[in-house]
């Protein structure tokens, strides 16, 4: 399974996201300006979207397509789909 192979990298991403969420909490507790809090939220959302894109790409490559029977046209379409998903999640 792809998540097992990528586990250390995924866990590191999650730890960074936890840090970003904690920063949002600290900012709110410190009564920081709303624009600062919104910027922190935007960064955390971007990190979550990055994690989602990473997992979706793995899911597509390892569970949706059969790479052993993939034609070059299907491989291109797969890469295009993954790029569209990544672009959407930015």
Protein backbone atom coordinates (compact mmCIF):
# COMPACT_ATOMS: atom_id res chain seq x y z
CA UNK A 1 0.00 0.00 0.00
CA UNK A 2 1.34 3.42 -0.95
CA UNK A 3 0.61 5.05 2.42
CA UNK A 4 2.84 2.53 4.17
CA UNK A 5 5.71 3.28 1.79
CA UNK A 6 5.22 7.05 2.17
CA UNK A 7 4.42 6.93 5.90
CA UNK A 8 7.44 8.91 7.22
CA UNK A 9 6.88 11.69 4.68
CA UNK A 10 3.14 11.82 5.40
CA UNK A 11 3.68 11.88 9.17
CA UNK A 12 6.14 14.77 8.75
CA UNK A 13 3.52 16.71 6.78
CA UNK A 14 0.94 16.07 9.48
CA UNK A 15 3.32 17.28 12.19
CA UNK A 16 3.86 20.51 10.23
CA UNK A 17 0.09 20.94 9.92
CA UNK A 18 -0.29 20.40 13.68
CA UNK A 19 2.25 23.16 14.22
CA UNK A 20 0.32 25.47 11.93
CA UNK A 21 -2.93 24.75 13.76
CA UNK A 22 -1.22 25.43 17.09
CA UNK A 23 0.02 28.75 15.69
CA UNK A 24 -3.56 29.68 14.80
CA UNK A 25 -4.67 28.88 18.33
CA UNK A 26 -1.82 30.93 19.83
CA UNK A 27 -2.64 33.86 17.55
CA UNK A 28 -6.28 33.82 18.60
CA UNK A 29 -5.38 33.54 22.27
CA UNK A 30 -2.99 36.50 21.87
CA UNK A 31 -5.72 38.58 20.21
CA UNK A 32 -3.62 39.04 17.08
CA UNK A 33 -4.98 41.02 14.18
CA UNK A 34 -7.56 39.10 12.13
CA UNK A 35 -5.49 39.46 8.96
CA UNK A 36 -2.60 37.66 10.69
CA UNK A 37 -4.92 34.86 11.80
CA UNK A 38 -6.39 34.58 8.31
CA UNK A 39 -2.89 34.29 6.85
CA UNK A 40 -2.12 31.44 9.27
CA UNK A 41 -5.36 29.71 8.33
CA UNK A 42 -4.53 30.08 4.65
CA UNK A 43 -1.15 28.44 5.20
CA UNK A 44 -2.71 25.56 7.15
CA UNK A 45 -5.33 25.07 4.45
CA UNK A 46 -2.61 24.97 1.80
CA UNK A 47 -0.75 22.35 3.81
CA UNK A 48 -3.91 20.24 4.13
CA UNK A 49 -4.55 20.55 0.41
CA UNK A 50 -0.97 19.46 -0.27
CA UNK A 51 -1.47 16.40 1.90
CA UNK A 52 -4.75 15.65 0.13
CA UNK A 53 -3.08 15.96 -3.29
CA UNK A 54 -0.27 13.63 -2.22
CA UNK A 55 -2.71 10.99 -1.02
CA UNK A 56 -4.97 11.33 -4.07
CA UNK A 57 -2.02 10.90 -6.41
CA UNK A 58 -0.97 7.74 -4.61
CA UNK A 59 -4.51 6.44 -4.65
CA UNK A 60 -4.86 7.06 -8.39
CA UNK A 61 -1.48 5.52 -9.22
CA UNK A 62 -1.79 2.45 -6.96
CA UNK A 63 -5.51 1.69 -6.73
CA UNK A 64 -7.31 3.21 -9.72
CA UNK A 65 -5.04 2.42 -12.64
CA UNK A 66 -3.30 -0.82 -13.51
CA UNK A 67 0.23 0.35 -14.27
CA UNK A 68 1.13 -3.06 -15.74
CA UNK A 69 -1.46 -2.72 -18.48
CA UNK A 70 -1.21 1.03 -18.99
CA UNK A 71 -0.85 2.34 -22.52
CA UNK A 72 1.16 5.49 -23.15
CA UNK A 73 -2.11 7.34 -23.80
CA UNK A 74 -3.52 6.18 -20.47
CA UNK A 75 -0.29 7.12 -18.69
CA UNK A 76 -0.51 10.61 -20.16
CA UNK A 77 -4.17 10.90 -19.14
CA UNK A 78 -3.27 9.75 -15.62
CA UNK A 79 -0.53 12.37 -15.33
CA UNK A 80 -2.91 15.03 -16.65
CA UNK A 81 -5.58 14.06 -14.13
CA UNK A 82 -3.10 14.23 -11.27
CA UNK A 83 -1.91 17.67 -12.40
CA UNK A 84 -5.52 18.88 -12.58
CA UNK A 85 -6.20 17.64 -9.05
CA UNK A 86 -3.00 19.28 -7.75
CA UNK A 87 -3.90 22.53 -9.49
CA UNK A 88 -7.41 22.46 -8.07
CA UNK A 89 -6.12 21.92 -4.55
CA UNK A 90 -3.67 24.84 -4.68
